């Protein structure tokens, strides 16, 4: 199960906090999948990623409650959290930098906090995409819920393409290989 984190609604579509949704949409486009089936307060699509059948999931609960959708879906599918790959933004990483981990803390990310709390484990893969700009920011909430700058918009397609390659490496070759190649 590959879960992109973001907030539902057109007002959030192009915001930094929705980069997980953006990457999931890219994967869907690359594989010809459609993310539209509704279950557990999420939109779901089925895709063949590197020869493996994967559910592509966009929780529709807003970021801070993402864990509710994910735990519901995992319970219905009798999957373990280790079968989960979560795609999210990361304010602690410079814009465009990728960080892959097999487990770990939420690092201050409310979507990851919700997932860890709902699943009662941090044992799931996460692919985080840096959104921190090259200048200090004042209001964190407004920054993550804000749209990308002109410079960031010119680079976002390349960032997402590289993140898609990292995700495909995780699925095909495992998290350790992806970490050594993309971190």
Foldseek 3Di string as FASTA:
>chain_A
DEEFEFEDDPLQCQFLFRVSVVLLVVQCVVFVWDFADDDQQWTWIWGQQLNDIDIYIYHHPHQLQLLSSVLRVCVVVVHAQQVYEYEGEDAVDEALAKAKDQFDDPNPRNNLVNNCVNNVGRRYIYIYGYDHYPDDDDDPVCRRSDGDDPVSVVCVVVSSVVSNVLVSCCVNPNRVVSRVVRD
